[in-house]
Amino acid sequence: MAVDLFIAMESLLKERADRIYRRLEELATITDEPGMICRTFLSAAMRRANLLVGGWMLEAGLEVSQDSVENLIGEEPQVRADPDSPIFIMGSHLDTVRNAGRFDGSLGVLLAIEAIDFLRSSGAALPFGITAVGFSDEEGTRFHSSYIGSMAFCGIWKREDLALVDEKGISLLQALEELSPGNRFTPSAAHYSPDRVRGYLEVHIEQGPVLESEGLSLAVVSAIAGQSRFKLHWSGKASHAGTTPRHLRRDALVGAAQFIREVRAAFDRFPEVMATVGQLTVEPNVSNVVPDRVVHSLDVRHQDDSMRQKACLWLDERAQTIAAEHGLKVRWENIQSMQAIPCDSALSMKLLQSVERTTGVRRLLPSGAGHDAAVLSRHYPVAMLFVRCRAGLSHHPAEYASPEDVGVALLATIDFLMRESGTIASPGA
């Protein structure tokens, strides 16, 4: 590649980062719920988002399609022209949590498109084609099970996945069959065979405060924490709030509340564990009736799978003890379990070299959040680039990464792709 990135740095940082920002703002206007950003799996907003982002893919010279779960896929022409040609994949997700920010997921998709467009317009001839992917479900907002998009892309399906039910009682299978009325949905195989893919890169805001506290723009992800997601079902007995004495109550909410305090205590008992209850349903949900049923979420994460499993076992023991004390029954429903994933060492080393070239600093960080990269790692080598975000906020309307940091991330990404292609020699290569 004839152009020197660092000669063109100033215009690259400004013009390209500004376009990513404009597109982030335009994408943020597409939502299922007015007044907030919310795009959920297979929703009308997701379809409009795919149409918009697909148009930007076309402008970058990509051939655009959607798969059986509406993952948005933009491929360089040679990817389709030669089914045996090598590929490098970049991307992230386009779905969101409720009341989301602009950057989570979307930044990785739009930055991938911009990097591809820059390489194309610069006349780069890489020894592999590039595919940009906007995954349709990473957050799990609708079916409370993350990574539906990337699991479908990788052909990693389980029969029980299709039985997942949303809040309206619609199963995942029903939702998918509605995309093609009259046709029975059959899970597909992986979009690309593992021997064809050189790797996957996901650029993502840090979703934590470390980079900001250290005054750094970028870091390379060393590993993605393992994650266990459950629903706990507490059963007691509904009774009159004014006539049932304490010793005769079987209050499901009291039991659940006591357990939630133990979830908090797990932080101290198991170093670096992250345990959260973020969703709670109470029945009959009447002010003058002792609750007889509570269902709540439980999310447990750790970089060490054995430590995560120990924390889950301890919490299970605490739940059973609390249920016995209050005359309750408690049932655990395992929603999802993901192993901790180390990122590929060879790709991560090249990415570190690119980060050092663009920022002057090398920094490795683990990710406590889940990412599509964790799923793709089952088939392909993966690497991740973290971008500093203000106050570590994510899954929040105030989520923010500066245009300057986005520009540096774009520069590091392009440098990495050139390094992966052999255009830039890596030390010791």
Protein backbone atom coordinates (compact mmCIF):
# COMPACT_ATOMS: atom_id res chain seq x y z
CA MET A 1 0.00 0.00 0.00
CA ALA A 2 1.64 3.21 -1.19
CA VAL A 3 0.03 5.68 1.18
CA ASP A 4 1.68 6.28 4.57
CA LEU A 5 -1.08 6.44 7.18
CA PHE A 6 0.83 8.82 9.35
CA ILE A 7 1.26 11.38 6.58
CA ALA A 8 -2.52 11.31 6.12
CA MET A 9 -3.25 11.13 9.86
CA GLU A 10 -4.71 14.60 10.39
CA SER A 11 -7.30 14.40 7.61
CA LEU A 12 -8.08 10.76 8.45
CA LEU A 13 -8.77 11.53 12.09
CA LYS A 14 -11.01 14.46 11.31
CA GLU A 15 -12.97 13.62 8.18
CA ARG A 16 -13.46 9.91 8.78
CA ALA A 17 -14.15 10.19 12.50
CA ASP A 18 -16.64 13.00 11.80
CA ARG A 19 -18.49 10.78 9.35
CA ILE A 20 -18.63 7.94 11.89
CA TYR A 21 -20.07 10.45 14.37
CA ARG A 22 -22.71 11.72 11.94
CA ARG A 23 -23.75 8.17 11.21
CA LEU A 24 -23.91 7.27 14.89
CA GLU A 25 -26.26 10.22 15.42
CA GLU A 26 -28.46 9.21 12.48
CA LEU A 27 -28.58 5.59 13.61
CA ALA A 28 -29.53 6.70 17.14
CA THR A 29 -32.79 8.18 15.78
CA ILE A 30 -33.99 4.68 14.87
CA THR A 31 -35.76 3.15 17.85
CA ASP A 32 -38.67 0.95 18.88
CA GLU A 33 -39.57 3.33 21.73
CA PRO A 34 -39.77 7.09 21.15
CA GLY A 35 -37.76 9.17 23.60
CA MET A 36 -34.99 6.61 24.03
CA ILE A 37 -32.71 4.37 21.98
CA CYS A 38 -34.09 0.84 21.91
CA ARG A 39 -33.63 -1.64 19.08
CA THR A 40 -34.59 -5.23 19.82
CA PHE A 41 -34.18 -8.46 17.89
CA LEU A 42 -36.37 -8.75 14.75
CA SER A 43 -38.17 -5.49 15.52
CA ALA A 44 -39.24 -2.83 13.01
CA ALA A 45 -36.48 -0.57 14.30
CA MET A 46 -33.86 -3.25 13.65
CA ARG A 47 -35.09 -3.60 10.08
CA ARG A 48 -34.83 0.16 9.54
CA ALA A 49 -31.36 0.14 11.10
CA ASN A 50 -30.25 -2.64 8.76
CA LEU A 51 -31.59 -0.71 5.78
CA LEU A 52 -29.69 2.43 6.81
CA VAL A 53 -26.41 0.72 7.68
CA GLY A 54 -26.72 -1.54 4.64
CA GLY A 55 -26.79 1.62 2.50
CA TRP A 56 -23.52 2.75 4.06
CA MET A 57 -22.04 -0.67 3.34
CA LEU A 58 -23.04 -0.29 -0.31
CA GLU A 59 -21.35 3.11 -0.44
CA ALA A 60 -18.15 1.45 0.82
CA GLY A 61 -18.24 -0.99 -2.11
CA LEU A 62 -19.62 -3.96 -0.18
CA GLU A 63 -22.19 -6.49 -1.36
CA VAL A 64 -24.97 -6.56 1.24
CA SER A 65 -27.20 -9.38 2.46
CA GLN A 66 -29.04 -10.61 5.54
CA ASP A 67 -29.04 -14.14 6.91
CA SER A 68 -31.85 -16.17 8.50
CA VAL A 69 -31.82 -14.12 11.73
CA GLU A 70 -31.34 -10.74 10.02
CA ASN A 71 -27.63 -10.34 10.71
CA LEU A 72 -26.48 -7.59 8.32
CA ILE A 73 -23.51 -8.79 6.24
CA GLY A 74 -21.39 -6.61 3.94
CA GLU A 75 -18.80 -8.48 1.88
CA GLU A 76 -16.08 -7.22 -0.41
CA PRO A 77 -16.76 -8.50 -3.95
CA GLN A 78 -13.92 -11.06 -3.89
CA VAL A 79 -15.47 -12.75 -0.84
CA ARG A 80 -18.43 -13.88 -2.94
CA ALA A 81 -16.54 -14.26 -6.21
CA ASP A 82 -14.19 -16.89 -4.82
CA PRO A 83 -15.75 -19.17 -2.16
CA ASP A 84 -12.30 -20.42 -1.16
CA SER A 85 -10.67 -17.01 -0.75
CA PRO A 86 -9.44 -15.97 2.73
CA ILE A 87 -11.54 -13.55 4.75
CA PHE A 88 -11.08 -11.22 7.67
CA ILE A 89 -14.26 -10.30 9.58
CA MET A 90 -14.93 -7.08 11.47
CA GLY A 91 -18.04 -5.82 13.21
CA SER A 92 -20.22 -5.81 16.30
CA HIS A 93 -23.95 -5.59 17.02
CA LEU A 94 -26.71 -3.16 16.02
CA ASP A 95 -29.29 -4.12 18.66
CA THR A 96 -29.41 -2.28 21.99
CA VAL A 97 -30.65 -2.47 25.54
CA ARG A 98 -33.60 -0.27 26.51
CA ASN A 99 -32.67 3.39 26.95
CA ALA A 100 -29.27 2.76 25.42
CA GLY A 101 -26.39 4.95 24.35
CA ARG A 102 -25.17 5.61 20.81
CA PHE A 103 -21.84 3.77 20.86
CA ASP A 104 -22.26 0.26 22.29
CA GLY A 105 -22.07 -2.13 19.34
CA SER A 106 -22.83 0.48 16.68
CA LEU A 107 -19.36 2.02 16.87
CA GLY A 108 -17.73 -1.30 15.94
CA VAL A 109 -19.96 -1.76 12.90
CA LEU A 110 -19.59 1.79 11.56
CA LEU A 111 -15.85 1.89 12.21
CA ALA A 112 -15.45 -1.37 10.28
CA ILE A 113 -17.29 0.11 7.30
CA GLU A 114 -15.14 3.24 7.44
CA ALA A 115 -11.90 1.23 7.60
CA ILE A 116 -12.95 -0.83 4.56
CA ASP A 117 -13.92 2.32 2.67
CA PHE A 118 -10.56 3.94 3.46
CA LEU A 119 -8.61 0.91 2.25
CA ARG A 120 -10.68 0.73 -0.94
CA SER A 121 -10.30 4.42 -1.72
CA SER A 122 -6.56 4.21 -1.03
CA GLY A 123 -6.12 1.44 -3.59
CA ALA A 124 -5.04 -1.16 -1.05
CA ALA A 125 -4.73 -4.71 -2.35
CA LEU A 126 -4.89 -6.98 0.69
CA PRO A 127 -4.40 -10.76 0.39
CA PHE A 128 -7.83 -11.35 1.93
CA GLY A 129 -11.33 -10.02 1.54
CA ILE A 130 -13.02 -8.18 4.39
CA THR A 131 -16.54 -8.73 5.68
CA ALA A 132 -18.33 -6.26 7.95
CA VAL A 133 -21.13 -7.68 10.12
CA GLY A 134 -23.85 -5.98 12.15
CA PHE A 135 -25.16 -8.71 14.43
CA SER A 136 -28.91 -8.66 15.05
CA ASP A 137 -28.94 -9.68 18.71
CA GLU A 138 -26.09 -9.45 21.19
CA GLU A 139 -27.83 -7.83 24.14
CA GLY A 140 -30.57 -10.44 24.60
CA THR A 141 -33.13 -7.72 25.35
CA ARG A 142 -36.08 -9.54 23.78
CA PHE A 143 -35.47 -13.19 24.67
CA HIS A 144 -33.13 -12.62 27.66
CA SER A 145 -30.47 -14.78 26.01
CA SER A 146 -27.48 -13.01 24.49
CA TYR A 147 -25.69 -13.61 21.18
CA ILE A 148 -28.56 -14.98 19.09
CA GLY A 149 -27.11 -13.14 16.08
CA SER A 150 -23.51 -14.30 16.36
CA MET A 151 -24.52 -17.83 17.40
CA ALA A 152 -26.59 -18.13 14.23
CA PHE A 153 -23.73 -16.66 12.16
CA CYS A 154 -21.44 -19.35 13.56
CA GLY A 155 -24.01 -22.14 13.26
CA ILE A 156 -23.90 -22.72 17.02
CA TRP A 157 -27.47 -23.69 17.74
CA LYS A 158 -29.13 -25.79 20.40
CA ARG A 159 -32.67 -27.09 20.09
CA GLU A 160 -33.59 -25.48 23.39
CA ASP A 161 -32.58 -22.05 22.06
CA LEU A 162 -35.59 -22.05 19.76
CA ALA A 163 -37.92 -22.58 22.74
CA LEU A 164 -36.94 -19.25 24.34
CA VAL A 165 -40.01 -17.06 24.92
CA ASP A 166 -40.31 -13.27 24.95
CA GLU A 167 -42.56 -11.21 27.25
CA LYS A 168 -45.50 -11.62 24.86
CA GLY A 169 -45.23 -15.40 24.93
CA ILE A 170 -43.78 -15.62 21.41
CA SER A 171 -41.08 -18.26 21.07
CA LEU A 172 -37.85 -17.65 19.20
CA LEU A 173 -38.91 -20.32 16.70
CA GLN A 174 -42.24 -18.56 16.10
CA ALA A 175 -40.52 -15.20 15.66
CA LEU A 176 -38.11 -16.62 13.11
CA GLU A 177 -40.82 -18.43 11.18
CA GLU A 178 -42.79 -15.17 10.97
CA LEU A 179 -39.93 -13.76 8.87
CA SER A 180 -40.88 -16.20 6.13
CA PRO A 181 -44.56 -17.14 6.52
CA GLY A 182 -45.34 -20.69 5.54
CA ASN A 183 -41.75 -21.87 5.80
CA ARG A 184 -40.49 -23.94 8.69
CA PHE A 185 -37.34 -22.44 10.18
CA THR A 186 -34.25 -24.66 10.23
CA PRO A 187 -31.05 -23.49 11.95
CA SER A 188 -28.29 -22.89 9.42
CA ALA A 189 -24.62 -23.86 9.48
CA ALA A 190 -21.78 -21.38 10.00
CA HIS A 191 -21.72 -18.57 7.44
CA TYR A 192 -18.02 -19.18 6.78
CA SER A 193 -16.00 -22.34 7.31
CA PRO A 194 -13.29 -21.91 9.97
CA ASP A 195 -10.45 -22.68 7.56
CA ARG A 196 -11.42 -19.68 5.42
CA VAL A 197 -11.38 -17.00 8.12
CA ARG A 198 -8.08 -15.41 9.19
CA GLY A 199 -9.67 -13.69 12.14
CA TYR A 200 -12.29 -11.39 13.64
CA LEU A 201 -11.73 -7.90 15.05
CA GLU A 202 -14.30 -6.11 17.20
CA VAL A 203 -13.82 -2.47 18.13
CA HIS A 204 -15.87 -1.51 21.18
CA ILE A 205 -16.10 1.15 23.84
CA GLU A 206 -14.48 -0.04 27.07
CA GLN A 207 -17.71 0.09 29.10
CA GLY A 208 -15.51 0.73 32.13
CA PRO A 209 -13.43 3.56 33.65
CA VAL A 210 -9.86 2.20 33.42
CA LEU A 211 -8.70 3.91 30.22
CA GLU A 212 -10.08 7.26 31.31
CA SER A 213 -8.43 6.95 34.73
CA GLU A 214 -5.08 6.21 33.06
CA GLY A 215 -5.40 8.92 30.41
CA LEU A 216 -5.27 6.40 27.54
CA SER A 217 -7.30 6.28 24.33
CA LEU A 218 -7.05 2.59 23.46
CA ALA A 219 -6.35 -0.85 24.88
CA VAL A 220 -6.23 -4.35 23.49
CA VAL A 221 -8.52 -6.89 25.15
CA SER A 222 -6.70 -9.84 26.70
CA ALA A 223 -9.73 -11.98 27.54
CA ILE A 224 -13.53 -11.85 27.74
CA ALA A 225 -15.03 -12.85 31.06
CA GLY A 226 -17.16 -15.96 31.37
CA GLN A 227 -20.81 -15.35 32.13
CA SER A 228 -23.67 -17.25 33.76
CA ARG A 229 -27.23 -15.95 33.43
CA PHE A 230 -30.12 -17.33 35.48
CA LYS A 231 -33.70 -16.68 36.44
CA LEU A 232 -34.58 -17.46 40.06
CA HIS A 233 -38.19 -18.36 40.81
CA TRP A 234 -39.24 -17.82 44.45
CA SER A 235 -42.59 -19.33 45.54
CA GLY A 236 -44.40 -18.55 48.79
CA LYS A 237 -48.02 -17.94 49.71
CA ALA A 238 -50.17 -14.89 49.10
CA SER A 239 -51.94 -13.64 52.24
CA HIS A 240 -53.53 -10.53 53.67
CA ALA A 241 -51.03 -7.80 54.55
CA GLY A 242 -53.06 -6.66 57.56
CA THR A 243 -53.95 -9.97 59.17
CA THR A 244 -51.02 -12.34 58.58
CA PRO A 245 -48.44 -12.19 61.41
CA ARG A 246 -44.75 -12.35 60.64
CA HIS A 247 -44.20 -15.94 61.80
CA LEU A 248 -46.98 -17.21 59.51
CA ARG A 249 -45.89 -15.35 56.42
CA ARG A 250 -44.31 -17.03 53.41
CA ASP A 251 -43.20 -13.83 51.73
CA ALA A 252 -41.42 -14.55 48.44
CA LEU A 253 -40.21 -10.97 48.14
CA VAL A 254 -38.54 -11.01 51.57
CA GLY A 255 -36.66 -14.16 50.58
CA ALA A 256 -35.61 -12.69 47.22
CA ALA A 257 -34.54 -9.44 48.87
CA GLN A 258 -32.39 -11.28 51.39
CA PHE A 259 -30.80 -13.25 48.58
CA ILE A 260 -30.04 -10.06 46.64
CA ARG A 261 -28.03 -8.86 49.66
CA GLU A 262 -26.03 -12.09 49.38
CA VAL A 263 -25.40 -11.34 45.70
CA ARG A 264 -23.81 -8.12 46.86
CA ALA A 265 -21.76 -10.02 49.44
CA ALA A 266 -20.35 -12.24 46.66
CA PHE A 267 -18.19 -9.28 45.56
CA ASP A 268 -16.21 -9.54 48.80
CA ARG A 269 -16.17 -13.31 49.01
CA PHE A 270 -14.96 -13.93 45.44
CA PRO A 271 -12.37 -11.39 44.25
CA GLU A 272 -13.15 -9.74 40.90
CA VAL A 273 -16.49 -11.51 40.51
CA MET A 274 -19.31 -9.39 39.06
CA ALA A 275 -22.77 -10.44 40.24
CA THR A 276 -25.94 -8.52 39.42
CA VAL A 277 -29.71 -8.72 39.82
CA GLY A 278 -31.16 -6.33 37.25
CA GLN A 279 -34.69 -7.55 36.62
CA LEU A 280 -37.45 -8.29 39.14
CA THR A 281 -41.08 -9.37 38.80
CA VAL A 282 -43.40 -9.56 41.83
CA GLU A 283 -46.81 -11.25 42.00
CA PRO A 284 -49.56 -10.51 42.67
CA ASN A 285 -47.96 -7.03 42.82
CA VAL A 286 -50.71 -5.61 45.04
CA SER A 287 -49.95 -3.21 47.89
CA ASN A 288 -51.99 -5.04 50.55
CA VAL A 289 -51.06 -8.65 49.69
CA VAL A 290 -47.99 -10.57 50.83
CA PRO A 291 -46.17 -11.54 47.60
CA ASP A 292 -46.35 -15.23 46.74
CA ARG A 293 -44.09 -15.24 43.69
CA VAL A 294 -40.94 -13.42 42.66
CA VAL A 295 -38.87 -13.99 39.55
CA HIS A 296 -35.57 -12.19 39.13
CA SER A 297 -32.48 -12.31 36.97
CA LEU A 298 -28.97 -13.17 38.13
CA ASP A 299 -25.86 -12.38 36.09
CA VAL A 300 -22.49 -13.71 37.32
CA ARG A 301 -19.19 -13.01 35.52
CA HIS A 302 -15.51 -13.69 36.04
CA GLN A 303 -12.39 -14.10 33.90
CA ASP A 304 -11.69 -17.40 35.68
CA ASP A 305 -14.42 -19.98 34.97
CA SER A 306 -13.64 -21.97 38.11
CA MET A 307 -14.07 -18.85 40.27
CA ARG A 308 -17.35 -18.03 38.51
CA GLN A 309 -18.62 -21.56 39.14
CA LYS A 310 -17.63 -21.38 42.82
CA ALA A 311 -19.53 -18.10 43.17
CA CYS A 312 -22.62 -19.65 41.54
CA LEU A 313 -22.49 -22.69 43.82
CA TRP A 314 -22.17 -20.49 46.91
CA LEU A 315 -25.11 -18.35 45.79
CA ASP A 316 -27.16 -21.49 45.19
CA GLU A 317 -26.43 -22.65 48.74
CA ARG A 318 -27.42 -19.25 50.12
CA ALA A 319 -30.66 -19.30 48.14
CA GLN A 320 -31.64 -22.74 49.44
CA THR A 321 -30.86 -21.72 53.04
CA ILE A 322 -32.89 -18.51 52.73
CA ALA A 323 -35.82 -20.37 51.16
CA ALA A 324 -35.85 -22.87 54.05
CA GLU A 325 -35.75 -20.09 56.64
CA HIS A 326 -38.81 -18.40 55.15
CA GLY A 327 -40.87 -21.43 54.18
CA LEU A 328 -40.31 -20.82 50.47
CA LYS A 329 -39.31 -22.78 47.43
CA VAL A 330 -36.68 -21.51 45.03
CA ARG A 331 -35.94 -22.81 41.54
CA TRP A 332 -32.97 -21.85 39.39
CA GLU A 333 -33.47 -21.59 35.63
CA ASN A 334 -30.22 -21.63 33.66
CA ILE A 335 -30.66 -19.14 30.82
CA GLN A 336 -27.14 -19.08 29.43
CA SER A 337 -23.56 -19.98 30.26
CA MET A 338 -20.52 -18.68 28.38
CA GLN A 339 -16.95 -19.72 29.12
CA ALA A 340 -14.19 -17.17 29.59
CA ILE A 341 -12.43 -16.54 26.28
CA PRO A 342 -8.77 -15.58 25.87
CA CYS A 343 -8.24 -13.49 22.75
CA ASP A 344 -5.92 -14.85 20.05
CA SER A 345 -2.32 -14.12 21.02
CA ALA A 346 -0.98 -13.57 17.48
CA LEU A 347 -3.76 -11.16 16.45
CA SER A 348 -3.58 -9.38 19.80
CA MET A 349 0.17 -8.86 19.44
CA LYS A 350 -0.28 -7.23 16.03
CA LEU A 351 -3.09 -5.10 17.44
CA LEU A 352 -0.85 -4.04 20.34
CA GLN A 353 1.81 -3.00 17.86
CA SER A 354 -0.75 -0.92 15.96
CA VAL A 355 -1.99 0.67 19.19
CA GLU A 356 1.58 1.51 20.18
CA ARG A 357 2.25 3.02 16.76
CA THR A 358 -0.84 5.25 16.98
CA THR A 359 -0.76 6.17 20.68
CA GLY A 360 2.79 5.45 21.86
CA VAL A 361 1.51 3.12 24.58
CA ARG A 362 0.72 -0.59 24.87
CA ARG A 363 -2.11 -1.53 27.21
CA LEU A 364 -3.85 -4.86 27.73
CA LEU A 365 -7.21 -5.00 29.54
CA PRO A 366 -9.64 -7.84 30.28
CA SER A 367 -13.29 -7.37 29.38
CA GLY A 368 -15.90 -7.93 32.05
CA ALA A 369 -18.67 -7.42 29.49
CA GLY A 370 -19.78 -10.02 26.99
CA HIS A 371 -19.18 -9.53 23.27
CA ASP A 372 -19.92 -11.27 19.99
CA ALA A 373 -16.19 -12.01 19.82
CA ALA A 374 -16.74 -14.60 22.56
CA VAL A 375 -19.01 -16.58 20.26
CA LEU A 376 -16.89 -16.17 17.14
CA SER A 377 -13.85 -17.41 19.07
CA ARG A 378 -15.35 -20.92 18.94
CA HIS A 379 -14.55 -20.99 15.21
CA TYR A 380 -12.12 -18.18 14.47
CA PRO A 381 -9.15 -16.31 16.02
CA VAL A 382 -10.48 -13.11 17.62
CA ALA A 383 -9.06 -9.80 18.79
CA MET A 384 -10.74 -6.79 20.38
CA LEU A 385 -9.87 -3.11 20.62
CA PHE A 386 -11.24 -1.02 23.49
CA VAL A 387 -11.92 2.70 23.06
CA ARG A 388 -12.02 5.02 26.07
CA CYS A 389 -15.52 6.06 27.15
CA ARG A 390 -16.40 8.92 29.45
CA ALA A 391 -16.86 7.93 33.12
CA GLY A 392 -16.99 4.29 32.03
CA LEU A 393 -20.70 4.71 31.26
CA SER A 394 -22.41 2.22 28.97
CA HIS A 395 -25.97 0.95 28.53
CA HIS A 396 -26.88 4.55 29.34
CA PRO A 397 -27.99 7.58 27.28
CA ALA A 398 -24.87 9.49 28.42
CA GLU A 399 -22.54 6.90 26.86
CA TYR A 400 -19.77 8.82 25.05
CA ALA A 401 -16.46 8.36 23.25
CA SER A 402 -14.73 11.44 21.85
CA PRO A 403 -14.24 12.03 18.10
CA GLU A 404 -10.50 12.14 18.74
CA ASP A 405 -10.48 8.69 20.34
CA VAL A 406 -12.70 7.29 17.58
CA GLY A 407 -10.26 8.68 15.02
CA VAL A 408 -7.30 7.07 16.77
CA ALA A 409 -9.19 3.77 16.96
CA LEU A 410 -9.87 3.95 13.22
CA LEU A 411 -6.21 4.62 12.53
CA ALA A 412 -5.10 1.71 14.71
CA THR A 413 -7.63 -0.57 12.99
CA ILE A 414 -6.34 0.29 9.52
CA ASP A 415 -2.75 -0.11 10.67
CA PHE A 416 -3.68 -3.51 12.12
CA LEU A 417 -5.29 -4.69 8.87
CA MET A 418 -2.19 -3.64 6.94
CA ARG A 419 -0.01 -5.39 9.49
CA GLU A 420 -2.14 -8.54 9.25
CA SER A 421 -1.82 -8.40 5.46
CA GLY A 422 1.97 -8.14 5.64
CA THR A 423 2.01 -4.64 4.15
CA ILE A 424 3.51 -3.37 7.41
CA ALA A 425 6.20 -5.64 8.83
CA SER A 426 5.77 -6.50 12.51
CA PRO A 427 8.86 -6.59 14.74
CA GLY A 428 10.44 -10.03 14.66
CA ALA A 429 8.48 -11.03 11.55
